Amino acid sequence: MMKRVLAMVGASLLLVSACQNTGDSEPPASNAPEGGTTATWQLLSENLDAESTALKIGVMRVECAGGETGTVLPPTITYSDEQIVIEALVATLPDGAYTCQSNDVVPLEITLEQPIGDRELIDGICQPAGGNCTDGGVRWPLP
């Protein structure tokens, strides 16, 4: 649990730093639908196994938003033989200036269409191929 909290804090600091250093409050590029912005997530479920189809994640908006993640939208989930990529989405913010402290984490329950099997669960914000994520976006299995 502590590793997950530290990972979320680390990701928050990295994203806050990027927002403050560039003066840009735009989120990373996304395949998000109109009205949605890609967010990052951490796994909150503790007892997953190969047969699991239900999981709980903690979603955090990455763009500057005054400390609030806001409305979490249904995620985009892509299945392949090696991975299940979950792209967490949040509602687009109205125009305005927002401070860049870390945003809150909003829990979200997900039901997968397929059991996890021996696939990795990947944070979609880290795509393609790990993106800027130090952990490559792998959220399960935990190292």
Protein backbone atom coordinates (compact mmCIF):
# COMPACT_ATOMS: atom_id res chain seq x y z
CA MET A 1 0.00 0.00 0.00
CA MET A 2 2.81 2.41 0.90
CA LYS A 3 4.50 1.78 -2.48
CA ARG A 4 1.26 2.75 -4.25
CA VAL A 5 0.91 5.93 -2.21
CA LEU A 6 4.53 6.87 -2.90
CA ALA A 7 4.06 6.16 -6.62
CA MET A 8 0.98 8.44 -6.73
CA VAL A 9 2.85 11.18 -4.86
CA GLY A 10 5.82 10.81 -7.22
CA ALA A 11 3.59 10.99 -10.28
CA SER A 12 1.83 14.02 -8.80
CA LEU A 13 5.08 15.85 -8.18
CA LEU A 14 6.34 15.08 -11.67
CA LEU A 15 3.13 16.32 -13.25
CA VAL A 16 2.91 19.39 -11.03
CA SER A 17 6.50 20.23 -11.89
CA ALA A 18 5.81 19.87 -15.60
CA CYS A 19 2.76 22.10 -15.30
CA GLN A 20 4.61 24.77 -13.34
CA ASN A 21 7.77 24.68 -15.45
CA THR A 22 6.06 25.09 -18.79
CA GLY A 23 3.18 27.28 -17.68
CA ASP A 24 1.04 24.87 -19.67
CA SER A 25 -2.01 23.33 -18.09
CA GLU A 26 -2.77 21.03 -21.01
CA PRO A 27 -2.90 17.30 -20.25
CA PRO A 28 -0.88 14.75 -22.20
CA ALA A 29 -2.20 13.72 -25.63
CA SER A 30 -5.09 11.30 -25.42
CA ASN A 31 -7.50 9.22 -27.39
CA ALA A 32 -10.16 10.52 -25.00
CA PRO A 33 -13.60 11.24 -26.41
CA GLU A 34 -14.96 14.77 -26.71
CA GLY A 35 -15.47 16.10 -23.20
CA GLY A 36 -12.85 13.78 -21.69
CA THR A 37 -9.22 14.15 -20.69
CA THR A 38 -6.79 11.33 -19.91
CA ALA A 39 -5.93 10.87 -16.24
CA THR A 40 -3.47 8.61 -14.46
CA TRP A 41 -4.47 5.78 -12.16
CA GLN A 42 -3.13 3.45 -9.51
CA LEU A 43 -4.44 0.04 -8.56
CA LEU A 44 -6.40 0.03 -5.27
CA SER A 45 -7.44 -3.65 -5.40
CA GLU A 46 -5.12 -5.85 -3.36
CA ASN A 47 -6.04 -9.47 -4.10
CA LEU A 48 -6.07 -9.74 -7.88
CA ASP A 49 -5.30 -13.00 -9.62
CA ALA A 50 -5.52 -14.45 -13.13
CA GLU A 51 -9.28 -15.00 -12.82
CA SER A 52 -10.08 -11.47 -11.63
CA THR A 53 -12.47 -9.36 -13.70
CA ALA A 54 -13.38 -6.77 -11.05
CA LEU A 55 -10.89 -4.20 -9.82
CA LYS A 56 -10.76 -0.85 -8.12
CA ILE A 57 -8.49 1.96 -9.28
CA GLY A 58 -7.71 5.43 -7.95
CA VAL A 59 -7.98 8.06 -10.71
CA MET A 60 -6.10 11.37 -10.58
CA ARG A 61 -6.36 14.24 -13.08
CA VAL A 62 -2.89 15.16 -14.34
CA GLU A 63 -3.58 18.68 -15.53
CA CYS A 64 -3.60 21.63 -13.15
CA ALA A 65 -7.05 21.67 -11.56
CA GLY A 66 -6.84 23.38 -8.18
CA GLY A 67 -6.41 20.10 -6.33
CA GLU A 68 -9.56 18.41 -7.63
CA THR A 69 -9.75 15.52 -10.07
CA GLY A 70 -13.43 16.18 -10.72
CA THR A 71 -15.82 13.94 -12.61
CA VAL A 72 -14.41 10.55 -13.57
CA LEU A 73 -15.78 9.16 -16.85
CA PRO A 74 -15.96 5.51 -17.95
CA PRO A 75 -12.44 4.37 -18.90
CA THR A 76 -11.32 3.18 -22.32
CA ILE A 77 -10.09 -0.43 -22.03
CA THR A 78 -8.06 -2.18 -24.73
CA TYR A 79 -7.32 -5.91 -24.58
CA SER A 80 -4.39 -7.72 -26.21
CA ASP A 81 -2.65 -11.05 -25.59
CA GLU A 82 0.02 -9.45 -23.35
CA GLN A 83 -1.71 -6.42 -21.82
CA ILE A 84 -4.92 -4.80 -20.72
CA VAL A 85 -4.55 -1.05 -21.18
CA ILE A 86 -6.90 1.07 -19.08
CA GLU A 87 -7.10 4.72 -20.05
CA ALA A 88 -8.71 6.59 -17.16
CA LEU A 89 -10.75 9.60 -18.25
CA VAL A 90 -12.00 12.69 -16.47
CA ALA A 91 -14.40 15.40 -17.64
CA THR A 92 -12.77 18.33 -19.41
CA LEU A 93 -12.41 21.43 -17.24
CA PRO A 94 -13.99 24.74 -18.16
CA ASP A 95 -11.57 27.42 -19.38
CA GLY A 96 -9.81 29.22 -16.57
CA ALA A 97 -6.66 29.44 -14.50
CA TYR A 98 -6.07 26.59 -12.05
CA THR A 99 -3.40 26.13 -9.42
CA CYS A 100 -1.04 23.19 -9.80
CA GLN A 101 -1.00 21.39 -6.49
CA SER A 102 -1.58 17.65 -6.60
CA ASN A 103 -5.17 16.65 -7.38
CA ASP A 104 -7.23 14.28 -5.23
CA VAL A 105 -7.60 10.58 -6.05
CA VAL A 106 -11.10 9.36 -6.95
CA PRO A 107 -11.86 5.62 -6.56
CA LEU A 108 -13.44 3.86 -9.54
CA GLU A 109 -14.66 0.27 -9.79
CA ILE A 110 -14.13 -1.45 -13.15
CA THR A 111 -15.49 -4.72 -14.49
CA LEU A 112 -13.32 -6.18 -17.23
CA GLU A 113 -14.85 -8.07 -20.16
CA GLN A 114 -12.16 -10.74 -19.79
CA PRO A 115 -10.21 -12.17 -16.83
CA ILE A 116 -6.76 -10.62 -16.38
CA GLY A 117 -5.02 -13.93 -17.06
CA ASP A 118 -1.25 -13.56 -17.31
CA ARG A 119 -1.49 -10.06 -18.83
CA GLU A 120 -0.13 -6.82 -17.41
CA LEU A 121 -2.51 -4.03 -16.42
CA ILE A 122 -1.18 -0.85 -18.02
CA ASP A 123 -2.02 2.82 -17.33
CA GLY A 124 -3.11 4.20 -20.72
CA ILE A 125 -1.56 7.60 -20.04
CA CYS A 126 1.83 5.86 -20.35
CA GLN A 127 1.19 4.75 -23.92
CA PRO A 128 2.70 4.31 -26.40
CA ALA A 129 5.39 1.99 -25.03
CA GLY A 130 5.67 3.37 -21.52
CA GLY A 131 5.59 7.04 -22.50
CA ASN A 132 7.05 9.25 -19.78
CA CYS A 133 6.19 6.81 -16.99
CA THR A 134 9.16 5.56 -15.01
CA ASP A 135 7.42 2.25 -14.37
CA GLY A 136 6.38 1.82 -18.02
CA GLY A 137 2.78 2.19 -16.90
CA VAL A 138 2.63 -1.34 -15.45
CA ARG A 139 0.16 -1.37 -12.55
CA TRP A 140 -0.14 -5.18 -12.20
CA PRO A 141 1.55 -7.47 -11.54
CA LEU A 142 3.39 -5.45 -8.93
CA PRO A 143 7.16 -5.95 -8.96
